[in-house]
C-alpha atoms as a PDB file:
ATOM      1  CA  MET A   1     111.780 -28.104  73.568  1.00  0.00           C
ATOM      2  CA  VAL A   2     111.254 -27.575  77.278  1.00  0.00           C
ATOM      3  CA  ALA A   3     113.426 -25.286  79.391  1.00  0.00           C
ATOM      4  CA  VAL A   4     113.320 -25.172  83.179  1.00  0.00           C
ATOM      5  CA  THR A   5     114.993 -22.227  84.851  1.00  0.00           C
ATOM      6  CA  PRO A   6     114.970 -22.031  88.649  1.00  0.00           C
ATOM      7  CA  VAL A   7     114.449 -18.523  89.956  1.00  0.00           C
ATOM      8  CA  GLU A   8     115.813 -17.662  93.367  1.00  0.00           C
ATOM      9  CA  PRO A   9     114.849 -14.528  95.329  1.00  0.00           C
ATOM     10  CA  ALA A  10     117.448 -11.791  95.681  1.00  0.00           C
ATOM     11  CA  GLY A  11     119.950 -12.594  98.429  1.00  0.00           C
ATOM     12  CA  THR A  12     119.554 -10.857 101.785  1.00  0.00           C
ATOM     13  CA  GLY A  13     122.395 -12.613 103.528  1.00  0.00           C
ATOM     14  CA  ARG A  14     120.202 -15.269 105.096  1.00  0.00           C
ATOM     15  CA  ALA A  15     118.116 -17.918 103.430  1.00  0.00           C
ATOM     16  CA  PRO A  16     114.351 -17.467 103.728  1.00  0.00           C
ATOM     17  CA  ARG A  17     112.432 -20.361 105.206  1.00  0.00           C
ATOM     18  CA  PRO A  18     110.383 -22.142 102.531  1.00  0.00           C
ATOM     19  CA  ARG A  19     106.638 -21.693 102.853  1.00  0.00           C
ATOM     20  CA  GLY A  20     104.027 -24.229 101.854  1.00  0.00           C
ATOM     21  CA  TRP A  21     104.137 -27.997 101.621  1.00  0.00           C
ATOM     22  CA  SER A  22     106.443 -30.480 100.023  1.00  0.00           C
ATOM     23  CA  ILE A  23     104.906 -33.216  97.880  1.00  0.00           C
ATOM     24  CA  VAL A  24     106.662 -36.543  97.297  1.00  0.00           C
ATOM     25  CA  PHE A  25     105.480 -39.245  94.887  1.00  0.00           C
ATOM     26  CA  ARG A  26     107.262 -42.622  95.230  1.00  0.00           C
ATOM     27  CA  GLY A  27     106.508 -45.397  92.753  1.00  0.00           C
ATOM     28  CA  VAL A  28     102.999 -44.049  92.137  1.00  0.00           C
ATOM     29  CA  SER A  29     100.804 -45.872  89.644  1.00  0.00           C
ATOM     30  CA  ARG A  30      97.126 -45.510  88.783  1.00  0.00           C
ATOM     31  CA  ASP A  31      94.790 -47.627  86.670  1.00  0.00           C
ATOM     32  CA  ARG A  32      91.608 -46.584  84.877  1.00  0.00           C
ATOM     33  CA  ALA A  33      89.251 -49.263  83.546  1.00  0.00           C
ATOM     34  CA  GLY A  34      92.056 -51.808  83.676  1.00  0.00           C
ATOM     35  CA  VAL A  35      94.534 -49.590  81.792  1.00  0.00           C
ATOM     36  CA  ARG A  36      97.564 -48.194  83.618  1.00  0.00           C
ATOM     37  CA  VAL A  37      97.600 -44.404  83.152  1.00  0.00           C
ATOM     38  CA  LEU A  38     100.460 -43.598  85.556  1.00  0.00           C
ATOM     39  CA  HIS A  39     103.524 -45.862  85.689  1.00  0.00           C
ATOM     40  CA  ASP A  40     105.866 -45.777  88.711  1.00  0.00           C
ATOM     41  CA  ILE A  41     106.032 -41.980  89.100  1.00  0.00           C
ATOM     42  CA  ASP A  42     108.861 -40.650  91.305  1.00  0.00           C
ATOM     43  CA  LEU A  43     108.710 -36.887  91.870  1.00  0.00           C
ATOM     44  CA  GLU A  44     109.701 -34.508  94.667  1.00  0.00           C
ATOM     45  CA  ILE A  45     108.463 -30.931  94.851  1.00  0.00           C
ATOM     46  CA  ALA A  46     110.122 -29.011  97.673  1.00  0.00           C
ATOM     47  CA  ALA A  47     108.214 -26.608  99.924  1.00  0.00           C
ATOM     48  CA  GLY A  48     108.015 -23.141  98.408  1.00  0.00           C
ATOM     49  CA  ARG A  49     108.523 -24.389  94.837  1.00  0.00           C
ATOM     50  CA  ILE A  50     106.105 -24.111  91.946  1.00  0.00           C
ATOM     51  CA  ALA A  51     105.815 -27.011  89.511  1.00  0.00           C
ATOM     52  CA  ALA A  52     103.800 -27.480  86.341  1.00  0.00           C
ATOM     53  CA  ILE A  53     102.775 -30.885  85.055  1.00  0.00           C
ATOM     54  CA  VAL A  54     101.745 -30.513  81.411  1.00  0.00           C
ATOM     55  CA  GLY A  55     101.117 -32.744  78.447  1.00  0.00           C
ATOM     56  CA  PRO A  56      98.557 -33.740  75.866  1.00  0.00           C
ATOM     57  CA  SER A  57      95.057 -34.858  76.755  1.00  0.00           C
ATOM     58  CA  GLY A  58      95.116 -38.238  78.453  1.00  0.00           C
ATOM     59  CA  CYS A  59      98.748 -38.064  79.603  1.00  0.00           C
ATOM     60  CA  GLY A  60      97.860 -38.349  83.321  1.00  0.00           C
ATOM     61  CA  ALA A  61      98.599 -34.791  84.488  1.00  0.00           C
ATOM     62  CA  SER A  62      95.124 -34.260  85.992  1.00  0.00           C
ATOM     63  CA  THR A  63      95.220 -37.709  87.569  1.00  0.00           C
ATOM     64  CA  LEU A  64      98.545 -36.859  89.218  1.00  0.00           C
ATOM     65  CA  LEU A  65      97.026 -33.626  90.577  1.00  0.00           C
ATOM     66  CA  ARG A  66      94.018 -35.506  91.966  1.00  0.00           C
ATOM     67  CA  LEU A  67      96.376 -37.943  93.704  1.00  0.00           C
ATOM     68  CA  ALA A  68      98.299 -35.039  95.265  1.00  0.00           C
ATOM     69  CA  THR A  69      95.098 -33.463  96.612  1.00  0.00           C
ATOM     70  CA  GLY A  70      93.689 -36.732  97.934  1.00  0.00           C
ATOM     71  CA  ALA A  71      90.706 -36.694  95.563  1.00  0.00           C
ATOM     72  CA  GLU A  72      91.872 -40.115  94.318  1.00  0.00           C
ATOM     73  CA  ARG A  73      93.997 -42.894  95.765  1.00  0.00           C
ATOM     74  CA  CYS A  74      96.926 -44.437  93.942  1.00  0.00           C
ATOM     75  CA  ASP A  75      96.877 -48.126  93.027  1.00  0.00           C
ATOM     76  CA  GLY A  76     100.577 -48.473  93.846  1.00  0.00           C
ATOM     77  CA  GLY A  77     103.250 -46.424  95.600  1.00  0.00           C
ATOM     78  CA  THR A  78     102.836 -43.538  98.028  1.00  0.00           C
ATOM     79  CA  VAL A  79     101.974 -39.847  97.974  1.00  0.00           C
ATOM     80  CA  GLN A  80     103.288 -37.799 100.885  1.00  0.00           C
ATOM     81  CA  VAL A  81     102.337 -34.178 101.534  1.00  0.00           C
ATOM     82  CA  GLU A  82     104.152 -32.455 104.393  1.00  0.00           C
END
């Protein structure tokens, strides 16, 4: 079972401006040795948010991280970091 609980900072009356970058994956796919390891990934991570991509060995989590950092290029779709 997986539970995701967003945690917001204590209210001060005005919303803090998010720090960091947003990352957007649109239709991202990646092949390794002719085998598709990522299939049409759509994911948005807003600026100032923390996200964890976890799974068993070979699930594509490290590949997704390498795509986000620019260490690898996707075979399909787009990765946008702003």
